[in-house]
Amino acid sequence: MFQIKSHRFPIKTLLLPRSILILGVLLPTSLTTSLAKAADLGNGQTFFDHPPRLIQVSATTINPFSPSTYLFTISVPDNAGEPLKAVTIAQQPNVEQVDFQVSESRAFMGKNIASGQSIALANIGGSEPSNSNEVTIVFDKPVTPGDTVTIALAVTRNPNLGGVYQFGVTAFSPGENSPGLYLGSGRLHFTSR
């Protein structure tokens, strides 16, 4: 029979491999469980486990003083934990202010508006009439994790003065007063006259 002498194999040596084995089994399970649930901030507020990503920003024309549509494509990862309910797009300060034609705003599934399925919008609007360079798009049915959406914002005209114009994009999960998550700025470069 095999005997362990206490002076050759201290108790720490025997417990360490067992502890590592137990952690190796439990830790991955607990991590995947926590990733599958959305963060609950209380009072009906939720937050993304893994944030949506702003993957592309473009304009149908970059010519100065021309009507155009700005396209913002957002990908909601499979492990987001929450769907995408709303998006706010706001022009960052610049020489000229772009005026969105809010009533002309649309949204489509995927990256290509020509082949993408149209998405119904529950609400479109800015926070105040004086903030015509900020618009909030609320989807009728939230965009589910694993999907990509393109928001098409029509503008009255591109800036007359060329250069780089930036637009901040903030994503919102469902829930009352859920805090927005800033996804970054989309950059558009316009030509000058």
N, C-alpha and C. Protein backbone atom coordinates (compact mmCIF):
# COMPACT_ATOMS: atom_id res chain seq x y z
N MET A 1 0.84 -1.18 0.00
CA MET A 1 0.00 0.00 0.00
C MET A 1 0.88 1.24 0.00
N PHE A 2 0.44 2.24 -0.74
CA PHE A 2 1.20 3.48 -0.88
C PHE A 2 0.87 4.41 0.27
N GLN A 3 1.89 4.93 0.93
CA GLN A 3 1.68 5.86 2.05
C GLN A 3 2.37 7.18 1.74
N ILE A 4 1.71 8.25 2.12
CA ILE A 4 2.30 9.58 1.95
C ILE A 4 2.82 10.02 3.29
N LYS A 5 4.06 10.40 3.31
CA LYS A 5 4.66 10.90 4.55
C LYS A 5 4.46 12.40 4.58
N SER A 6 4.05 12.91 5.68
CA SER A 6 3.73 14.33 5.79
C SER A 6 4.93 15.22 5.58
N HIS A 7 6.13 14.76 5.90
CA HIS A 7 7.28 15.63 5.73
C HIS A 7 7.72 15.74 4.27
N ARG A 8 7.31 14.81 3.42
CA ARG A 8 7.69 14.85 2.00
C ARG A 8 6.64 15.54 1.14
N PHE A 9 5.37 15.43 1.48
CA PHE A 9 4.31 16.03 0.69
C PHE A 9 3.41 16.87 1.59
N PRO A 10 3.74 18.13 1.75
CA PRO A 10 2.90 18.96 2.61
C PRO A 10 1.48 19.07 2.06
N ILE A 11 0.56 19.41 2.89
CA ILE A 11 -0.86 19.47 2.54
C ILE A 11 -1.11 20.44 1.38
N LYS A 12 -0.32 21.53 1.27
CA LYS A 12 -0.46 22.50 0.18
C LYS A 12 -0.23 21.83 -1.17
N THR A 13 0.72 20.95 -1.24
CA THR A 13 1.04 20.26 -2.48
C THR A 13 -0.12 19.39 -2.93
N LEU A 14 -0.83 18.82 -2.01
CA LEU A 14 -1.97 17.97 -2.36
C LEU A 14 -3.20 18.78 -2.75
N LEU A 15 -3.41 19.92 -2.14
CA LEU A 15 -4.60 20.72 -2.41
C LEU A 15 -4.47 21.57 -3.67
N LEU A 16 -3.29 21.98 -4.01
CA LEU A 16 -3.10 22.86 -5.15
C LEU A 16 -3.61 22.25 -6.46
N PRO A 17 -3.23 21.03 -6.82
CA PRO A 17 -3.75 20.46 -8.08
C PRO A 17 -5.27 20.31 -8.08
N ARG A 18 -5.83 19.95 -6.94
CA ARG A 18 -7.29 19.82 -6.86
C ARG A 18 -7.98 21.17 -7.02
N SER A 19 -7.40 22.20 -6.43
CA SER A 19 -7.97 23.55 -6.54
C SER A 19 -7.93 24.03 -7.99
N ILE A 20 -6.83 23.78 -8.65
CA ILE A 20 -6.70 24.19 -10.05
C ILE A 20 -7.71 23.44 -10.91
N LEU A 21 -7.90 22.16 -10.65
CA LEU A 21 -8.86 21.37 -11.40
C LEU A 21 -10.27 21.91 -11.21
N ILE A 22 -10.64 22.22 -9.98
CA ILE A 22 -11.98 22.73 -9.69
C ILE A 22 -12.18 24.09 -10.36
N LEU A 23 -11.19 24.99 -10.26
CA LEU A 23 -11.30 26.29 -10.91
C LEU A 23 -11.37 26.15 -12.42
N GLY A 24 -10.65 25.20 -12.97
CA GLY A 24 -10.66 24.98 -14.41
C GLY A 24 -12.02 24.56 -14.92
N VAL A 25 -12.80 23.90 -14.09
CA VAL A 25 -14.13 23.47 -14.47
C VAL A 25 -15.16 24.57 -14.21
N LEU A 26 -15.09 25.22 -13.06
CA LEU A 26 -16.10 26.19 -12.66
C LEU A 26 -15.94 27.55 -13.32
N LEU A 27 -14.73 28.04 -13.50
CA LEU A 27 -14.51 29.38 -14.02
C LEU A 27 -15.08 29.57 -15.42
N PRO A 28 -14.78 28.71 -16.40
CA PRO A 28 -15.38 28.91 -17.72
C PRO A 28 -16.90 28.88 -17.70
N THR A 29 -17.48 28.04 -16.88
CA THR A 29 -18.93 27.95 -16.78
C THR A 29 -19.50 29.24 -16.23
N SER A 30 -18.89 29.78 -15.18
CA SER A 30 -19.42 31.01 -14.59
C SER A 30 -19.22 32.19 -15.53
N LEU A 31 -18.14 32.21 -16.31
CA LEU A 31 -17.92 33.30 -17.26
C LEU A 31 -18.95 33.28 -18.38
N THR A 32 -19.23 32.12 -18.94
CA THR A 32 -20.20 32.07 -20.03
C THR A 32 -21.61 32.37 -19.52
N THR A 33 -21.90 32.02 -18.30
CA THR A 33 -23.21 32.33 -17.73
C THR A 33 -23.37 33.83 -17.58
N SER A 34 -22.34 34.53 -17.09
CA SER A 34 -22.46 35.96 -16.90
C SER A 34 -22.50 36.70 -18.23
N LEU A 35 -21.87 36.16 -19.29
CA LEU A 35 -21.89 36.83 -20.58
C LEU A 35 -23.23 36.68 -21.27
N ALA A 36 -23.98 35.66 -20.94
CA ALA A 36 -25.26 35.43 -21.58
C ALA A 36 -26.34 36.36 -21.06
N LYS A 37 -26.12 36.97 -19.92
CA LYS A 37 -27.11 37.85 -19.33
C LYS A 37 -26.71 39.30 -19.57
N ALA A 38 -27.69 40.15 -19.82
CA ALA A 38 -27.41 41.57 -19.97
C ALA A 38 -27.22 42.19 -18.60
N ALA A 39 -26.46 43.24 -18.57
CA ALA A 39 -26.25 43.95 -17.32
C ALA A 39 -27.55 44.64 -16.93
N ASP A 40 -27.99 44.42 -15.72
CA ASP A 40 -29.21 45.04 -15.21
C ASP A 40 -28.80 46.11 -14.24
N LEU A 41 -29.13 47.37 -14.56
CA LEU A 41 -28.74 48.49 -13.72
C LEU A 41 -29.82 48.86 -12.71
N GLY A 42 -30.90 48.11 -12.68
CA GLY A 42 -32.00 48.40 -11.76
C GLY A 42 -32.98 49.40 -12.36
N ASN A 43 -34.15 49.51 -11.78
CA ASN A 43 -35.20 50.44 -12.23
C ASN A 43 -35.54 50.27 -13.71
N GLY A 44 -35.45 49.04 -14.22
CA GLY A 44 -35.78 48.77 -15.61
C GLY A 44 -34.70 49.17 -16.60
N GLN A 45 -33.56 49.60 -16.11
CA GLN A 45 -32.45 49.98 -16.98
C GLN A 45 -31.59 48.77 -17.29
N THR A 46 -31.20 48.65 -18.56
CA THR A 46 -30.31 47.57 -18.98
C THR A 46 -29.14 48.17 -19.74
N PHE A 47 -28.13 47.35 -19.96
CA PHE A 47 -26.92 47.81 -20.63
C PHE A 47 -26.35 46.64 -21.42
N PHE A 48 -25.61 46.94 -22.48
CA PHE A 48 -25.02 45.89 -23.29
C PHE A 48 -23.87 45.20 -22.57
N ASP A 49 -23.81 43.85 -22.68
CA ASP A 49 -22.64 43.11 -22.20
C ASP A 49 -21.45 43.38 -23.10
N HIS A 50 -21.70 43.32 -24.41
CA HIS A 50 -20.69 43.63 -25.42
C HIS A 50 -21.32 44.65 -26.35
N PRO A 51 -20.69 45.80 -26.51
CA PRO A 51 -21.34 46.90 -27.22
C PRO A 51 -21.47 46.69 -28.72
N PRO A 52 -22.50 47.31 -29.29
CA PRO A 52 -22.59 47.37 -30.75
C PRO A 52 -21.38 48.14 -31.28
N ARG A 53 -21.08 47.93 -32.57
CA ARG A 53 -19.93 48.61 -33.17
C ARG A 53 -20.38 49.43 -34.38
N LEU A 54 -19.88 50.65 -34.46
CA LEU A 54 -20.07 51.47 -35.64
C LEU A 54 -19.05 50.99 -36.65
N ILE A 55 -19.49 50.34 -37.73
CA ILE A 55 -18.53 49.71 -38.64
C ILE A 55 -18.33 50.47 -39.94
N GLN A 56 -19.25 51.39 -40.28
CA GLN A 56 -19.08 52.12 -41.53
C GLN A 56 -19.91 53.39 -41.52
N VAL A 57 -19.35 54.46 -42.08
CA VAL A 57 -20.07 55.71 -42.27
C VAL A 57 -19.74 56.20 -43.67
N SER A 58 -20.76 56.57 -44.43
CA SER A 58 -20.53 57.06 -45.79
C SER A 58 -21.63 58.05 -46.17
N ALA A 59 -21.43 58.74 -47.29
CA ALA A 59 -22.42 59.68 -47.82
C ALA A 59 -22.68 59.32 -49.28
N THR A 60 -23.92 59.52 -49.73
CA THR A 60 -24.24 59.20 -51.12
C THR A 60 -23.56 60.16 -52.08
N THR A 61 -23.24 61.36 -51.64
CA THR A 61 -22.44 62.31 -52.43
C THR A 61 -21.62 63.16 -51.47
N ILE A 62 -20.41 63.53 -51.90
CA ILE A 62 -19.54 64.36 -51.07
C ILE A 62 -19.38 65.76 -51.68
N ASN A 63 -20.14 66.06 -52.72
CA ASN A 63 -20.07 67.36 -53.37
C ASN A 63 -20.64 68.44 -52.46
N PRO A 64 -20.05 69.64 -52.49
CA PRO A 64 -20.53 70.71 -51.61
C PRO A 64 -21.93 71.18 -52.01
N PHE A 65 -22.69 71.56 -51.01
CA PHE A 65 -24.01 72.18 -51.17
C PHE A 65 -24.98 71.31 -51.96
N SER A 66 -24.82 69.99 -51.88
CA SER A 66 -25.68 69.05 -52.61
C SER A 66 -26.53 68.25 -51.63
N PRO A 67 -27.77 67.92 -52.01
CA PRO A 67 -28.56 67.02 -51.17
C PRO A 67 -27.83 65.68 -51.07
N SER A 68 -27.92 65.04 -49.92
CA SER A 68 -27.20 63.78 -49.72
C SER A 68 -27.91 62.97 -48.64
N THR A 69 -27.48 61.73 -48.52
CA THR A 69 -27.93 60.86 -47.43
C THR A 69 -26.70 60.28 -46.77
N TYR A 70 -26.65 60.38 -45.44
CA TYR A 70 -25.52 59.85 -44.68
C TYR A 70 -25.92 58.48 -44.13
N LEU A 71 -25.04 57.51 -44.34
CA LEU A 71 -25.32 56.13 -43.96
C LEU A 71 -24.44 55.72 -42.79
N PHE A 72 -25.06 55.25 -41.71
CA PHE A 72 -24.37 54.81 -40.51
C PHE A 72 -24.69 53.33 -40.30
N THR A 73 -23.68 52.47 -40.41
CA THR A 73 -23.89 51.02 -40.28
C THR A 73 -23.37 50.57 -38.92
N ILE A 74 -24.24 49.88 -38.19
CA ILE A 74 -23.94 49.42 -36.82
C ILE A 74 -24.16 47.91 -36.75
N SER A 75 -23.18 47.22 -36.17
CA SER A 75 -23.25 45.77 -35.99
C SER A 75 -23.50 45.48 -34.51
N VAL A 76 -24.52 44.65 -34.25
CA VAL A 76 -24.82 44.23 -32.87
C VAL A 76 -24.25 42.83 -32.71
N PRO A 77 -23.23 42.65 -31.84
CA PRO A 77 -22.60 41.33 -31.74
C PRO A 77 -23.54 40.27 -31.17
N ASP A 78 -23.24 39.01 -31.48
CA ASP A 78 -24.04 37.89 -30.98
C ASP A 78 -24.14 37.89 -29.46
N ASN A 79 -23.07 38.31 -28.79
CA ASN A 79 -23.03 38.27 -27.33
C ASN A 79 -23.33 39.62 -26.69
N ALA A 80 -24.11 40.47 -27.39
CA ALA A 80 -24.44 41.80 -26.87
C ALA A 80 -25.23 41.73 -25.57
N GLY A 81 -26.03 40.68 -25.41
CA GLY A 81 -26.83 40.55 -24.19
C GLY A 81 -28.15 41.29 -24.26
N GLU A 82 -28.22 42.34 -25.06
CA GLU A 82 -29.43 43.14 -25.24
C GLU A 82 -29.53 43.53 -26.71
N PRO A 83 -30.75 43.72 -27.22
CA PRO A 83 -30.89 44.22 -28.58
C PRO A 83 -30.66 45.74 -28.62
N LEU A 84 -30.56 46.27 -29.81
CA LEU A 84 -30.38 47.70 -30.03
C LEU A 84 -31.75 48.33 -30.24
N LYS A 85 -32.15 49.22 -29.34
CA LYS A 85 -33.48 49.83 -29.42
C LYS A 85 -33.47 51.19 -30.13
N ALA A 86 -32.43 51.99 -29.90
CA ALA A 86 -32.41 53.34 -30.46
C ALA A 86 -30.96 53.78 -30.69
N VAL A 87 -30.81 54.77 -31.58
CA VAL A 87 -29.50 55.34 -31.89
C VAL A 87 -29.66 56.85 -31.99
N THR A 88 -28.74 57.58 -31.37
CA THR A 88 -28.69 59.03 -31.52
C THR A 88 -27.44 59.38 -32.31
N ILE A 89 -27.60 60.23 -33.32
CA ILE A 89 -26.49 60.69 -34.15
C ILE A 89 -26.45 62.20 -34.05
N ALA A 90 -25.30 62.73 -33.66
CA ALA A 90 -25.16 64.17 -33.46
C ALA A 90 -23.90 64.68 -34.13
N GLN A 91 -24.05 65.75 -34.90
CA GLN A 91 -22.88 66.36 -35.53
C GLN A 91 -22.02 67.03 -34.46
N GLN A 92 -20.72 66.79 -34.53
CA GLN A 92 -19.77 67.45 -33.64
C GLN A 92 -19.58 68.88 -34.14
N PRO A 93 -19.21 69.82 -33.26
CA PRO A 93 -19.04 71.22 -33.68
C PRO A 93 -18.09 71.34 -34.87
N ASN A 94 -18.48 72.20 -35.82
CA ASN A 94 -17.68 72.43 -37.02
C ASN A 94 -18.04 73.79 -37.59
N VAL A 95 -17.42 74.17 -38.68
CA VAL A 95 -17.64 75.47 -39.29
C VAL A 95 -19.09 75.62 -39.73
N GLU A 96 -19.65 74.58 -40.32
CA GLU A 96 -21.04 74.61 -40.78
C GLU A 96 -21.84 73.53 -40.07
N GLN A 97 -23.10 73.81 -39.87
CA GLN A 97 -24.01 72.83 -39.28
C GLN A 97 -24.80 72.16 -40.39
N VAL A 98 -24.89 70.84 -40.31
CA VAL A 98 -25.67 70.06 -41.26
C VAL A 98 -27.09 69.94 -40.71
N ASP A 99 -28.07 70.16 -41.57
CA ASP A 99 -29.47 70.03 -41.15
C ASP A 99 -30.03 68.71 -41.66
N PHE A 100 -30.41 67.84 -40.71
CA PHE A 100 -31.00 66.56 -41.08
C PHE A 100 -32.46 66.77 -41.49
N GLN A 101 -32.89 66.05 -42.51
CA GLN A 101 -34.30 66.01 -42.87
C GLN A 101 -34.89 64.81 -42.13
N VAL A 102 -35.28 65.05 -40.92
CA VAL A 102 -35.68 63.98 -40.00
C VAL A 102 -36.78 63.10 -40.58
N SER A 103 -37.75 63.69 -41.24
CA SER A 103 -38.88 62.91 -41.77
C SER A 103 -38.46 61.96 -42.89
N GLU A 104 -37.29 62.16 -43.48
CA GLU A 104 -36.79 61.31 -44.56
C GLU A 104 -35.90 60.17 -44.06
N SER A 105 -35.72 60.05 -42.76
CA SER A 105 -34.84 59.03 -42.19
C SER A 105 -35.42 57.64 -42.37
N ARG A 106 -34.51 56.68 -42.62
CA ARG A 106 -34.92 55.29 -42.82
C ARG A 106 -33.88 54.37 -42.19
N ALA A 107 -34.22 53.10 -42.09
CA ALA A 107 -33.27 52.10 -41.59
C ALA A 107 -33.47 50.81 -42.37
N PHE A 108 -32.34 50.07 -42.53
CA PHE A 108 -32.34 48.83 -43.30
C PHE A 108 -31.50 47.79 -42.60
N MET A 109 -31.88 46.53 -42.76
CA MET A 109 -31.05 45.43 -42.26
C MET A 109 -29.84 45.29 -43.17
N GLY A 110 -28.69 45.01 -42.59
CA GLY A 110 -27.48 44.78 -43.36
C GLY A 110 -26.70 46.04 -43.65
N LYS A 111 -25.70 45.88 -44.54
CA LYS A 111 -24.80 46.98 -44.87
C LYS A 111 -25.19 47.72 -46.14
N ASN A 112 -26.05 47.12 -46.95
CA ASN A 112 -26.37 47.68 -48.25
C ASN A 112 -27.84 48.08 -48.29
N ILE A 113 -28.10 49.38 -48.43
CA ILE A 113 -29.50 49.83 -48.41
C ILE A 113 -30.25 49.39 -49.66
N ALA A 114 -29.53 49.14 -50.74
CA ALA A 114 -30.19 48.71 -51.98
C ALA A 114 -30.80 47.33 -51.84
N SER A 115 -30.12 46.44 -51.10
CA SER A 115 -30.63 45.08 -50.97
C SER A 115 -31.16 44.77 -49.56
N GLY A 116 -31.03 45.70 -48.65
CA GLY A 116 -31.45 45.45 -47.27
C GLY A 116 -32.94 45.61 -47.07
N GLN A 117 -33.47 44.81 -46.17
CA GLN A 117 -34.89 44.87 -45.84
C GLN A 117 -35.15 46.09 -44.97
N SER A 118 -36.16 46.86 -45.28
CA SER A 118 -36.51 48.06 -44.53
C SER A 118 -36.94 47.70 -43.10
N ILE A 119 -36.58 48.53 -42.15
CA ILE A 119 -36.95 48.33 -40.75
C ILE A 119 -37.93 49.45 -40.36
N ALA A 120 -39.02 49.07 -39.73
CA ALA A 120 -40.00 50.06 -39.27
C ALA A 120 -39.41 50.86 -38.11
N LEU A 121 -39.67 52.16 -38.12
CA LEU A 121 -39.20 53.04 -37.05
C LEU A 121 -40.38 53.47 -36.20
N ALA A 122 -40.20 53.40 -34.88
CA ALA A 122 -41.26 53.80 -33.96
C ALA A 122 -41.30 55.31 -33.79
N ASN A 123 -40.11 55.92 -33.85
CA ASN A 123 -40.02 57.35 -33.60
C ASN A 123 -38.74 57.88 -34.23
N ILE A 124 -38.82 59.10 -34.75
CA ILE A 124 -37.65 59.78 -35.28
C ILE A 124 -37.74 61.21 -34.79
N GLY A 125 -36.68 61.72 -34.24
CA GLY A 125 -36.73 63.11 -33.81
C GLY A 125 -35.45 63.57 -33.16
N GLY A 126 -35.38 64.86 -33.01
CA GLY A 126 -34.26 65.47 -32.30
C GLY A 126 -34.71 65.85 -30.90
N SER A 127 -33.76 66.24 -30.08
CA SER A 127 -34.12 66.58 -28.71
C SER A 127 -34.83 67.93 -28.64
N GLU A 128 -34.45 68.86 -29.51
CA GLU A 128 -35.08 70.17 -29.54
C GLU A 128 -35.02 70.70 -30.97
N PRO A 129 -35.94 71.60 -31.34
CA PRO A 129 -35.89 72.17 -32.68
C PRO A 129 -34.55 72.88 -32.96
N SER A 130 -33.94 73.46 -31.95
CA SER A 130 -32.66 74.16 -32.14
C SER A 130 -31.52 73.18 -32.37
N ASN A 131 -31.78 71.90 -32.11
CA ASN A 131 -30.75 70.87 -32.28
C ASN A 131 -31.02 70.07 -33.54
N SER A 132 -31.16 70.75 -34.68
CA SER A 132 -31.48 70.04 -35.91
C SER A 132 -30.31 69.22 -36.42
N ASN A 133 -29.14 69.35 -35.79
CA ASN A 133 -27.99 68.54 -36.19
C ASN A 133 -27.84 67.31 -35.28
N GLU A 134 -28.91 66.97 -34.57
CA GLU A 134 -28.94 65.77 -33.74
C GLU A 134 -30.27 65.06 -33.98
N VAL A 135 -30.19 63.76 -34.20
CA VAL A 135 -31.41 63.01 -34.46
C VAL A 135 -31.36 61.69 -33.69
N THR A 136 -32.51 61.27 -33.18
CA THR A 136 -32.63 59.99 -32.49
C THR A 136 -33.59 59.11 -33.28
N ILE A 137 -33.11 57.90 -33.59
CA ILE A 137 -33.89 56.92 -34.33
C ILE A 137 -34.28 55.82 -33.35
N VAL A 138 -35.57 55.55 -33.21
CA VAL A 138 -36.06 54.48 -32.34
C VAL A 138 -36.68 53.40 -33.23
N PHE A 139 -36.16 52.19 -33.13
CA PHE A 139 -36.66 51.09 -33.95
C PHE A 139 -37.97 50.57 -33.38
N ASP A 140 -38.93 50.24 -34.25
CA ASP A 140 -40.20 49.69 -33.82
C ASP A 140 -39.97 48.35 -33.10
N LYS A 141 -39.15 47.49 -33.70
CA LYS A 141 -38.72 46.25 -33.06
C LYS A 141 -37.21 46.35 -32.93
N PRO A 142 -36.66 46.15 -31.74
CA PRO A 142 -35.22 46.29 -31.56
C PRO A 142 -34.42 45.37 -32.48
N VAL A 143 -33.24 45.83 -32.87
CA VAL A 143 -32.34 45.05 -33.71
C VAL A 143 -31.69 43.99 -32.83
N THR A 144 -31.87 42.73 -33.17
CA THR A 144 -31.42 41.63 -32.31
C THR A 144 -29.92 41.40 -32.41
N PRO A 145 -29.33 40.86 -31.34
CA PRO A 145 -27.91 40.52 -31.39
C PRO A 145 -27.61 39.60 -32.58
N GLY A 146 -26.49 39.87 -33.22
CA GLY A 146 -26.09 39.11 -34.41
C GLY A 146 -26.47 39.79 -35.71
N ASP A 147 -27.28 40.85 -35.63
CA ASP A 147 -27.72 41.56 -36.84
C ASP A 147 -26.94 42.86 -37.05
N THR A 148 -27.01 43.34 -38.28
CA THR A 148 -26.39 44.61 -38.66
C THR A 148 -27.48 45.50 -39.23
N VAL A 149 -27.44 46.79 -38.88
CA VAL A 149 -28.44 47.74 -39.35
C VAL A 149 -27.73 48.95 -39.94
N THR A 150 -28.33 49.52 -41.00
CA THR A 150 -27.83 50.75 -41.60
C THR A 150 -28.91 51.82 -41.47
N ILE A 151 -28.53 52.93 -40.89
CA ILE A 151 -29.44 54.07 -40.73
C ILE A 151 -29.11 55.07 -41.83
N ALA A 152 -30.13 55.49 -42.58
CA ALA A 152 -29.96 56.44 -43.68
C ALA A 152 -30.60 57.77 -43.27
N LEU A 153 -29.75 58.79 -43.08
CA LEU A 153 -30.23 60.12 -42.69
C LEU A 153 -30.08 61.07 -43.87
N ALA A 154 -31.20 61.57 -44.36
CA ALA A 154 -31.15 62.55 -45.44
C ALA A 154 -30.80 63.91 -44.85
N VAL A 155 -30.02 64.68 -45.60
CA VAL A 155 -29.68 66.05 -45.19
C VAL A 155 -30.14 67.00 -46.28
N THR A 156 -30.46 68.21 -45.87
CA THR A 156 -30.89 69.23 -46.82
C THR A 156 -29.80 69.47 -47.85
N ARG A 157 -28.56 69.58 -47.37
CA ARG A 157 -27.42 69.78 -48.26
C ARG A 157 -26.14 69.49 -47.50
N ASN A 158 -25.12 69.09 -48.24
CA ASN A 158 -23.79 68.93 -47.65
C ASN A 158 -23.22 70.30 -47.32
N PRO A 159 -22.21 70.36 -46.47
CA PRO A 159 -21.59 71.65 -46.16
C PRO A 159 -21.00 72.30 -47.41
N ASN A 160 -21.07 73.63 -47.47
CA ASN A 160 -20.48 74.38 -48.57
C ASN A 160 -18.96 74.38 -48.45
N LEU A 161 -18.48 74.49 -47.21
CA LEU A 161 -17.05 74.44 -46.95
C LEU A 161 -16.65 72.99 -46.74
N GLY A 162 -15.70 72.52 -47.52
CA GLY A 162 -15.28 71.12 -47.43
C GLY A 162 -14.50 70.85 -46.16
N GLY A 163 -14.07 69.63 -46.05
CA GLY A 163 -13.29 69.21 -44.89
C GLY A 163 -13.91 67.99 -44.24
N VAL A 164 -13.36 67.65 -43.07
CA VAL A 164 -13.83 66.49 -42.32
C VAL A 164 -14.90 66.93 -41.32
N TYR A 165 -16.03 66.24 -41.36
CA TYR A 165 -17.13 66.48 -40.42
C TYR A 165 -17.36 65.19 -39.65
N GLN A 166 -17.51 65.32 -38.33
CA GLN A 166 -17.66 64.14 -37.49
C GLN A 166 -19.05 64.10 -36.87
N PHE A 167 -19.55 62.88 -36.72
CA PHE A 167 -20.88 62.64 -36.17
C PHE A 167 -20.79 61.60 -35.07
N GLY A 168 -21.11 62.00 -33.85
CA GLY A 168 -21.08 61.08 -32.71
C GLY A 168 -22.28 60.15 -32.75
N VAL A 169 -22.05 58.87 -32.46
CA VAL A 169 -23.10 57.86 -32.51
C VAL A 169 -23.23 57.21 -31.13
N THR A 170 -24.45 57.23 -30.59
CA THR A 170 -24.74 56.65 -29.27
C THR A 170 -25.83 55.60 -29.42
N ALA A 171 -25.61 54.41 -28.84
CA ALA A 171 -26.57 53.30 -28.93
C ALA A 171 -27.30 53.13 -27.60
N PHE A 172 -28.55 52.72 -27.68
CA PHE A 172 -29.39 52.51 -26.49
C PHE A 172 -30.00 51.11 -26.52
N SER A 173 -29.96 50.43 -25.39
CA SER A 173 -30.66 49.16 -25.24
C SER A 173 -32.09 49.45 -24.79
N PRO A 174 -33.00 48.46 -24.84
CA PRO A 174 -34.37 48.68 -24.38
C PRO A 174 -34.40 48.97 -22.87
N GLY A 175 -35.49 49.49 -22.44
CA GLY A 175 -35.67 49.78 -21.01
C GLY A 175 -35.84 51.27 -20.81
N GLU A 176 -36.58 51.61 -19.78
CA GLU A 176 -36.83 53.02 -19.50
C GLU A 176 -35.56 53.69 -19.02
N ASN A 177 -35.26 54.82 -19.62
CA ASN A 177 -34.11 55.63 -19.23
C ASN A 177 -32.79 54.86 -19.22
N SER A 178 -32.65 53.87 -20.06
CA SER A 178 -31.39 53.14 -20.12
C SER A 178 -30.31 54.08 -20.63
N PRO A 179 -29.14 54.04 -20.01
CA PRO A 179 -28.08 54.96 -20.43
C PRO A 179 -27.56 54.59 -21.80
N GLY A 180 -27.22 55.58 -22.57
CA GLY A 180 -26.67 55.33 -23.90
C GLY A 180 -25.21 54.95 -23.81
N LEU A 181 -24.74 54.27 -24.84
CA LEU A 181 -23.34 53.88 -24.93
C LEU A 181 -22.76 54.55 -26.17
N TYR A 182 -21.78 55.43 -25.98
CA TYR A 182 -21.17 56.15 -27.09
C TYR A 182 -20.30 55.19 -27.89
N LEU A 183 -20.60 55.04 -29.18
CA LEU A 183 -19.89 54.10 -30.03
C LEU A 183 -18.70 54.73 -30.74
N GLY A 184 -18.61 56.05 -30.72
CA GLY A 184 -17.52 56.74 -31.38
C GLY A 184 -18.05 57.71 -32.41
N SER A 185 -17.13 58.28 -33.17
CA SER A 185 -17.49 59.27 -34.19
C SER A 185 -17.29 58.68 -35.58
N GLY A 186 -18.26 58.95 -36.43
CA GLY A 186 -18.13 58.63 -37.85
C GLY A 186 -17.64 59.88 -38.57
N ARG A 187 -16.69 59.69 -39.48
CA ARG A 187 -16.09 60.83 -40.19
C ARG A 187 -16.52 60.82 -41.65
N LEU A 188 -16.91 62.00 -42.13
CA LEU A 188 -17.22 62.19 -43.54
C LEU A 188 -16.35 63.33 -44.06
N HIS A 189 -15.78 63.13 -45.23
CA HIS A 189 -14.92 64.15 -45.84
C HIS A 189 -15.61 64.70 -47.07
N PHE A 190 -15.88 66.02 -47.05
CA PHE A 190 -16.57 66.67 -48.15
C PHE A 190 -15.62 67.55 -48.95
N THR A 191 -15.89 67.68 -50.24
CA THR A 191 -15.08 68.56 -51.09
C THR A 191 -15.55 70.00 -50.95
N SER A 192 -14.71 70.94 -51.38
CA SER A 192 -15.06 72.37 -51.36
C SER A 192 -15.37 72.85 -52.76
N ARG A 193 -16.04 73.99 -52.82
CA ARG A 193 -16.30 74.60 -54.13
C ARG A 193 -14.99 75.14 -54.69
